[in-house]
Protein backbone atom coordinates (compact mmCIF):
# COMPACT_ATOMS: atom_id res chain seq x y z
CA UNK A 1 14.82 -44.96 22.33
CA UNK A 2 14.77 -44.14 18.59
CA UNK A 3 13.82 -47.03 16.32
CA UNK A 4 14.78 -46.73 12.67
CA UNK A 5 13.00 -48.96 10.13
CA UNK A 6 12.79 -49.12 6.37
CA UNK A 7 9.09 -49.05 5.44
CA UNK A 8 7.14 -49.12 2.18
CA UNK A 9 4.18 -46.74 1.64
CA UNK A 10 1.89 -46.72 -1.38
CA UNK A 11 1.27 -43.38 -3.09
CA UNK A 12 -2.34 -43.25 -1.86
CA UNK A 13 -1.08 -43.18 1.75
CA UNK A 14 1.53 -40.53 0.90
CA UNK A 15 -1.32 -38.43 -0.52
CA UNK A 16 -3.22 -38.79 2.75
CA UNK A 17 -0.13 -37.53 4.60
CA UNK A 18 -0.06 -34.35 2.50
CA UNK A 19 -1.47 -32.04 5.25
CA UNK A 20 1.16 -33.31 7.69
CA UNK A 21 3.93 -32.99 5.05
CA UNK A 22 2.96 -29.35 4.40
CA UNK A 23 2.89 -28.63 8.11
CA UNK A 24 6.41 -30.08 8.51
CA UNK A 25 7.91 -28.57 5.33
CA UNK A 26 8.12 -31.92 3.55
CA UNK A 27 9.81 -33.81 6.39
CA UNK A 28 8.34 -37.32 6.00
CA UNK A 29 9.49 -38.59 9.39
CA UNK A 30 7.94 -35.64 11.20
CA UNK A 31 4.77 -35.99 9.14
CA UNK A 32 4.42 -39.66 10.08
CA UNK A 33 4.98 -38.83 13.75
CA UNK A 34 2.22 -36.20 13.59
CA UNK A 35 -0.12 -38.64 11.85
CA UNK A 36 0.52 -41.31 14.49
CA UNK A 37 -0.06 -38.79 17.27
CA UNK A 38 -3.32 -37.62 15.72
CA UNK A 39 -4.52 -41.19 15.19
CA UNK A 40 -3.59 -42.11 18.75
CA UNK A 41 -5.54 -39.18 20.17
CA UNK A 42 -8.53 -39.95 17.97
CA UNK A 43 -8.56 -43.58 19.10
CA UNK A 44 -8.30 -42.49 22.72
CA UNK A 45 -11.22 -40.10 22.14
CA UNK A 46 -9.34 -37.03 23.35
CA UNK A 47 -6.94 -34.30 22.29
CA UNK A 48 -4.50 -32.84 24.78
CA UNK A 49 -5.78 -31.03 27.84
CA UNK A 50 -9.23 -30.21 26.44
CA UNK A 51 -10.27 -33.83 26.05
CA UNK A 52 -13.05 -34.93 23.73
CA UNK A 53 -14.12 -31.38 22.93
CA UNK A 54 -10.92 -30.58 20.98
CA UNK A 55 -11.04 -33.89 19.12
CA UNK A 56 -14.61 -33.16 18.12
CA UNK A 57 -13.64 -29.65 16.93
CA UNK A 58 -10.88 -31.00 14.68
CA UNK A 59 -13.33 -33.44 13.14
CA UNK A 60 -16.01 -30.79 12.69
CA UNK A 61 -13.60 -28.35 11.04
CA UNK A 62 -12.40 -31.04 8.64
CA UNK A 63 -16.02 -31.85 7.76
CA UNK A 64 -16.73 -28.13 7.30
CA UNK A 65 -13.85 -27.71 4.84
CA UNK A 66 -14.70 -30.90 2.96
CA UNK A 67 -18.32 -29.85 2.61
CA UNK A 68 -17.37 -26.44 1.16
CA UNK A 69 -15.04 -28.14 -1.32
CA UNK A 70 -17.71 -30.68 -2.33
CA UNK A 71 -20.24 -27.91 -2.87
CA UNK A 72 -17.80 -26.03 -5.09
CA UNK A 73 -17.69 -22.94 -2.88
CA UNK A 74 -14.03 -23.53 -1.94
CA UNK A 75 -11.13 -25.08 -3.83
CA UNK A 76 -7.98 -26.78 -2.67
CA UNK A 77 -5.04 -24.51 -3.52
CA UNK A 78 -1.42 -25.17 -2.61
CA UNK A 79 -0.29 -22.59 -0.06
CA UNK A 80 2.83 -21.69 -2.11
CA UNK A 81 0.68 -20.89 -5.14
CA UNK A 82 -1.68 -18.80 -3.01
CA UNK A 83 1.26 -16.90 -1.50
CA UNK A 84 2.55 -16.13 -5.01
CA UNK A 85 -0.87 -14.90 -6.11
CA UNK A 86 -1.22 -12.63 -3.07
CA UNK A 87 2.26 -11.16 -3.56
CA UNK A 88 1.68 -10.52 -7.27
CA UNK A 89 -1.60 -8.68 -6.62
CA UNK A 90 -0.18 -6.61 -3.78
CA UNK A 91 -1.16 -2.96 -4.13
CA UNK A 92 -4.49 -3.73 -5.81
CA UNK A 93 -7.79 -3.37 -4.00
CA UNK A 94 -10.08 -6.35 -3.48
CA UNK A 95 -13.53 -5.97 -5.07
CA UNK A 96 -16.14 -4.99 -2.52
CA UNK A 97 -18.47 -7.83 -3.62
CA UNK A 98 -15.79 -10.40 -2.73
CA UNK A 99 -15.59 -9.06 0.82
CA UNK A 100 -19.30 -9.66 1.28
CA UNK A 101 -18.77 -13.30 0.34
CA UNK A 102 -16.49 -13.48 3.36
CA UNK A 103 -18.41 -11.23 5.80
CA UNK A 104 -22.19 -10.83 5.63
CA UNK A 105 -23.01 -7.14 6.25
CA UNK A 106 -26.57 -8.00 7.30
CA UNK A 107 -25.40 -10.26 10.12
CA UNK A 108 -22.11 -8.68 11.23
CA UNK A 109 -22.61 -5.04 12.25
CA UNK A 110 -20.35 -4.50 15.27
CA UNK A 111 -16.58 -4.84 15.57
CA UNK A 112 -16.79 -7.46 18.37
CA UNK A 113 -19.06 -9.53 16.08
CA UNK A 114 -16.51 -9.25 13.26
CA UNK A 115 -13.70 -10.40 15.56
CA UNK A 116 -15.69 -13.40 16.83
CA UNK A 117 -16.79 -14.38 13.33
CA UNK A 118 -13.30 -14.17 11.80
CA UNK A 119 -11.67 -16.06 14.66
CA UNK A 120 -14.19 -18.86 14.20
CA UNK A 121 -13.69 -18.83 10.43
CA UNK A 122 -9.88 -18.90 10.85
CA UNK A 123 -10.18 -21.86 13.18
CA UNK A 124 -12.42 -23.74 10.73
CA UNK A 125 -10.23 -22.94 7.70
CA UNK A 126 -6.97 -23.70 9.48
CA UNK A 127 -5.34 -20.32 8.78
CA UNK A 128 -4.25 -20.05 12.42
CA UNK A 129 -4.70 -16.26 12.48
CA UNK A 130 -5.97 -14.64 15.66
CA UNK A 131 -7.92 -11.36 15.44
CA UNK A 132 -8.25 -8.89 18.32
CA UNK A 133 -9.78 -5.42 18.47
CA UNK A 134 -9.73 -2.26 20.54
CA UNK A 135 -12.44 0.31 19.82
CA UNK A 136 -13.94 3.37 21.48
CA UNK A 137 -17.47 1.92 21.38
CA UNK A 138 -19.40 -0.94 19.79
CA UNK A 139 -21.64 1.16 17.51
CA UNK A 140 -20.19 3.83 15.20
CA UNK A 141 -16.79 4.00 16.94
CA UNK A 142 -14.64 7.07 16.33
CA UNK A 143 -11.42 5.04 16.45
CA UNK A 144 -10.49 1.38 16.40
CA UNK A 145 -7.34 -0.75 16.38
CA UNK A 146 -7.25 -4.28 14.97
CA UNK A 147 -4.46 -6.74 15.72
CA UNK A 148 -3.93 -9.84 13.59
CA UNK A 149 -1.33 -12.25 14.94
CA UNK A 150 0.22 -15.59 14.01
CA UNK A 151 -0.46 -17.46 10.80
CA UNK A 152 1.09 -16.95 7.37
CA UNK A 153 2.27 -13.39 6.65
CA UNK A 154 0.61 -13.25 3.19
CA UNK A 155 -2.67 -14.74 4.41
CA UNK A 156 -2.68 -12.30 7.31
CA UNK A 157 -2.18 -9.44 4.86
CA UNK A 158 -5.14 -10.42 2.70
CA UNK A 159 -7.33 -10.74 5.79
CA UNK A 160 -6.19 -7.30 7.04
CA UNK A 161 -7.02 -5.88 3.60
CA UNK A 162 -10.48 -7.48 3.68
CA UNK A 163 -11.18 -6.17 7.17
CA UNK A 164 -10.06 -2.65 6.26
CA UNK A 165 -12.33 -2.52 3.21
CA UNK A 166 -15.29 -3.89 5.17
CA UNK A 167 -14.86 -1.36 7.98
CA UNK A 168 -14.46 1.49 5.47
CA UNK A 169 -17.66 0.66 3.61
CA UNK A 170 -19.84 -0.49 6.50
CA UNK A 171 -18.61 1.54 9.49
CA UNK A 172 -16.96 4.58 7.86
CA UNK A 173 -13.56 3.81 9.39
CA UNK A 174 -10.54 4.74 7.29
CA UNK A 175 -7.04 3.34 7.73
CA UNK A 176 -5.01 5.82 9.74
CA UNK A 177 -1.88 3.69 10.11
CA UNK A 178 -0.51 0.22 9.37
CA UNK A 179 2.16 -1.71 11.29
CA UNK A 180 3.52 -4.94 9.79
CA UNK A 181 5.89 -7.47 11.30
CA UNK A 182 6.57 -11.14 10.61
CA UNK A 183 4.16 -12.34 13.29
CA UNK A 184 1.74 -9.44 13.81
CA UNK A 185 -0.21 -6.88 11.76
CA UNK A 186 -1.78 -3.84 13.41
CA UNK A 187 -4.27 -1.56 11.66
CA UNK A 188 -5.28 1.80 13.12
CA UNK A 189 -8.67 3.21 12.06
CA UNK A 190 -10.23 6.63 12.33
CA UNK A 191 -13.79 7.69 11.49
CA UNK A 192 -14.38 9.67 8.29
CA UNK A 193 -17.31 10.88 6.21
CA UNK A 194 -17.94 9.58 2.69
CA UNK A 195 -17.90 12.14 -0.07
CA UNK A 196 -18.81 9.51 -2.65
CA UNK A 197 -19.74 5.99 -1.62
CA UNK A 198 -18.37 4.35 -4.77
CA UNK A 199 -14.86 5.58 -3.98
CA UNK A 200 -12.61 4.16 -1.31
CA UNK A 201 -11.22 6.49 1.38
CA UNK A 202 -7.73 7.89 1.01
CA UNK A 203 -6.08 5.92 3.83
CA UNK A 204 -7.38 2.57 2.58
CA UNK A 205 -6.12 3.21 -0.95
CA UNK A 206 -2.77 4.49 0.30
CA UNK A 207 -2.05 1.43 2.47
CA UNK A 208 -3.76 -1.37 0.53
CA UNK A 209 -4.31 -0.11 -3.03
CA UNK A 210 -1.45 2.19 -4.10
CA UNK A 211 -1.23 0.51 -7.52
CA UNK A 212 -4.98 0.49 -8.19
CA UNK A 213 -5.12 3.75 -10.17
CA UNK A 214 -1.96 2.87 -12.10
CA UNK A 215 -3.35 -0.48 -13.20
CA UNK A 216 -6.61 1.13 -14.36
CA UNK A 217 -4.68 3.56 -16.56
CA UNK A 218 -2.50 0.79 -18.01
CA UNK A 219 -5.63 -1.23 -18.81
CA UNK A 220 -7.21 1.76 -20.58
CA UNK A 221 -4.23 2.30 -22.91
CA UNK A 222 -1.99 -0.78 -22.70
CA UNK A 223 -0.07 -0.16 -25.95
CA UNK A 224 0.78 3.42 -24.98
CA UNK A 225 2.06 2.46 -21.52
CA UNK A 226 4.00 -0.59 -22.72
CA UNK A 227 5.78 1.49 -25.35
CA UNK A 228 6.41 4.34 -22.91
CA UNK A 229 7.89 2.03 -20.26
CA UNK A 230 10.03 0.31 -22.89
CA UNK A 231 11.32 3.68 -24.16
CA UNK A 232 12.14 4.97 -20.67
CA UNK A 233 13.91 1.76 -19.77
CA UNK A 234 15.95 1.59 -22.97
CA UNK A 235 16.99 5.24 -22.64
CA UNK A 236 17.79 4.89 -18.94
CA UNK A 237 15.06 7.42 -18.04
CA UNK A 238 16.89 10.24 -19.85
CA UNK A 239 13.62 11.79 -21.00
CA UNK A 240 11.43 14.69 -19.89
CA UNK A 241 7.80 14.52 -18.90
CA UNK A 242 6.03 17.86 -18.78
CA UNK A 243 2.74 19.57 -19.53
CA UNK A 244 2.26 20.48 -23.20
CA UNK A 245 1.77 24.20 -22.44
CA UNK A 246 4.91 24.29 -20.33
CA UNK A 247 6.84 22.65 -23.17
CA UNK A 248 5.44 25.25 -25.60
CA UNK A 249 6.58 28.06 -23.30
CA UNK A 250 10.09 26.65 -23.03
CA UNK A 251 10.39 26.25 -26.81
CA UNK A 252 9.26 29.83 -27.34
CA UNK A 253 11.93 31.09 -24.95
CA UNK A 254 9.58 31.91 -22.11
CA UNK A 255 8.38 30.29 -18.92
CA UNK A 256 4.76 30.01 -17.73
CA UNK A 257 3.49 32.84 -15.58
CA UNK A 258 2.87 32.54 -11.83
CA UNK A 259 -0.88 32.43 -12.51
CA UNK A 260 -0.46 29.58 -15.01
CA UNK A 261 1.68 27.74 -12.47
CA UNK A 262 -1.02 28.05 -9.81
CA UNK A 263 -3.70 26.75 -12.18
CA UNK A 264 -1.51 23.87 -13.29
CA UNK A 265 -0.74 23.00 -9.65
CA UNK A 266 -4.45 22.86 -8.82
CA UNK A 267 -5.12 20.72 -11.89
CA UNK A 268 -2.44 18.17 -10.91
CA UNK A 269 -3.03 18.06 -7.15
CA UNK A 270 -6.78 18.65 -7.08
CA UNK A 271 -6.68 21.54 -4.60
CA UNK A 272 -5.56 25.19 -4.79
CA UNK A 273 -2.09 26.08 -3.42
CA UNK A 274 -3.63 27.82 -0.39
CA UNK A 275 -4.98 24.45 0.86
CA UNK A 276 -1.49 23.18 1.76
CA UNK A 277 1.15 24.00 4.32
CA UNK A 278 4.70 24.79 3.24
CA UNK A 279 5.86 21.32 4.29
CA UNK A 280 3.12 19.71 2.21
CA UNK A 281 4.04 21.91 -0.75
CA UNK A 282 7.68 20.86 -0.54
CA UNK A 283 6.77 17.16 -0.42
CA UNK A 284 4.39 17.53 -3.37
CA UNK A 285 6.99 19.52 -5.28
CA UNK A 286 9.61 16.81 -4.73
CA UNK A 287 7.31 14.21 -6.25
CA UNK A 288 6.51 16.40 -9.26
CA UNK A 289 10.15 17.39 -9.77
CA UNK A 290 11.31 13.78 -9.86
CA UNK A 291 8.44 12.91 -12.21
CA UNK A 292 9.01 15.62 -14.81
CA UNK A 293 12.72 14.68 -14.97
CA UNK A 294 13.84 18.24 -15.82
CA UNK A 295 16.47 17.89 -13.11
CA UNK A 296 18.40 14.85 -11.92
CA UNK A 297 17.97 14.88 -8.14
CA UNK A 298 16.54 16.88 -5.25
CA UNK A 299 17.34 17.49 -1.59
CA UNK A 300 14.73 18.95 0.79
CA UNK A 301 14.39 20.03 4.40
CA UNK A 302 10.94 20.45 6.01
CA UNK A 303 12.09 21.39 9.51
CA UNK A 304 10.02 24.36 10.61
CA UNK A 305 11.92 27.61 10.16
CA UNK A 306 14.70 25.97 8.11
CA UNK A 307 12.79 24.78 5.03
CA UNK A 308 14.73 24.58 1.79
CA UNK A 309 14.73 22.83 -1.58
CA UNK A 310 17.97 22.08 -3.40
CA UNK A 311 17.57 21.16 -7.07
CA UNK A 312 20.40 19.28 -8.74
CA UNK A 313 20.74 19.23 -12.54
CA UNK A 314 23.39 18.41 -15.13
CA UNK A 315 22.88 21.22 -17.67
CA UNK A 316 26.05 22.98 -18.84
CA UNK A 317 24.44 25.63 -21.06
CA UNK A 318 24.06 28.83 -19.03
CA UNK A 319 20.89 29.92 -20.84
CA UNK A 320 19.19 26.60 -20.10
CA UNK A 321 20.17 26.89 -16.42
CA UNK A 322 18.69 30.38 -16.29
CA UNK A 323 15.35 29.28 -17.70
CA UNK A 324 15.19 26.27 -15.39
CA UNK A 325 15.86 28.51 -12.37
CA UNK A 326 13.25 31.04 -13.50
CA UNK A 327 10.70 28.27 -14.16
CA UNK A 328 11.01 26.79 -10.68
CA UNK A 329 11.04 30.26 -9.12
CA UNK A 330 7.60 30.85 -10.65
CA UNK A 331 6.49 27.47 -9.32
CA UNK A 332 7.37 28.50 -5.77
CA UNK A 333 5.91 31.98 -6.18
CA UNK A 334 2.59 30.37 -7.10
CA UNK A 335 2.30 28.60 -3.74
CA UNK A 336 2.46 31.83 -1.73
CA UNK A 337 5.55 31.49 0.49
CA UNK A 338 8.47 33.97 0.41
CA UNK A 339 11.89 32.61 -0.48
CA UNK A 340 15.38 33.45 -1.62
CA UNK A 341 17.06 31.69 -4.52
CA UNK A 342 20.75 31.21 -5.25
CA UNK A 343 22.51 29.13 -7.87
CA UNK A 344 25.81 27.36 -8.29
CA UNK A 345 26.96 25.14 -11.15
CA UNK A 346 24.51 22.20 -11.36
CA UNK A 347 22.51 23.38 -8.32
CA UNK A 348 19.62 25.75 -7.55
CA UNK A 349 18.80 26.48 -3.90
CA UNK A 350 15.44 27.81 -2.65
CA UNK A 351 15.36 28.83 1.01
CA UNK A 352 12.06 29.75 2.67
CA UNK A 353 12.20 32.34 5.42
CA UNK A 354 9.67 34.34 7.40
CA UNK A 355 9.17 38.10 6.90
CA UNK A 356 10.72 38.12 3.44
CA UNK A 357 9.47 39.64 0.23
CA UNK A 358 9.50 37.40 -2.80
CA UNK A 359 12.94 37.40 -4.33
CA UNK A 360 12.60 38.17 -8.00
CA UNK A 361 14.93 36.76 -10.61
CA UNK A 362 16.53 40.16 -11.26
CA UNK A 363 17.49 40.43 -7.60
CA UNK A 364 19.62 37.27 -7.75
CA UNK A 365 22.87 38.51 -9.14
CA UNK A 366 24.38 35.05 -9.12
CA UNK A 367 21.81 33.95 -11.66
CA UNK A 368 22.36 36.61 -14.25
CA UNK A 369 18.72 36.38 -15.42
CA UNK A 370 16.71 39.40 -16.52
CA UNK A 371 13.09 39.78 -15.42
């Protein structure tokens, strides 16, 4: 039987119902039902199937949280505000010192210890996140997989980030893959060797800190970047971005040599052209092509034996098209893979084939460019 009554509640009692209101998305009736159920179980000295033990745990966890708040170590923050903060800082790395406030590196040295500690902490803090692990061995594992399930998606993400940074710095495990769904987060780790301890490994930065380097540059020269972004936006990105020497060569009616291209490639990427496969070169080239904005779009294929790059532009002047084709031909010559090049209006096609000599500009009759 459902009994409906009109009742009066002072604000102080509404405030005490706040945890139950948050749990039930503001539904006052559901919150009151939960409060009555909790009070009933407390009076009976038991909680569900686990009896007095569960009731005692709830009380202990509440005391634990209250003590941390009283001591000033923790603060009460509305979960919606915390979600907003986590979303707005997505892509930035957490400071290493903050991680050690959460996990003590002198006490927690094995992955099973980390899992046990975080599960206990989650239970005490009420985040309702469960952590599980699979690893090749307890000490110095070569690989490890961590599974975080349940709980709030944003809170789970910040915990996954914290775990990844801790494992990178303390156990030399880099993030090899990341799988995110609404109710589960899986992180795949693989052992690596530090080249410089102060830096974070590549996988960790790629998956959890892709905006870290960008923010540092903006903070170094905020006026420059604000003005540049404003200009690009107002002009609908109809601007070029290229190396000063390359610009000088274009203005003088030339294009940089193959040797200059190779040196510029190494300067931008950090490794010589010989360090990459053809597929990697094509993917790097796509990123650079879209960044310099000389063309408008690009289509690529990295299937082995059928690799090609199709550059799309909107230049109508034949001379400009010739120089653009010659410029990108020198780019591809610098990486050391044979290719053929053909052009059509608004399109330049580079096809990579085995057992070919480099196709020079003068050999492409469709281009009409002299060597």
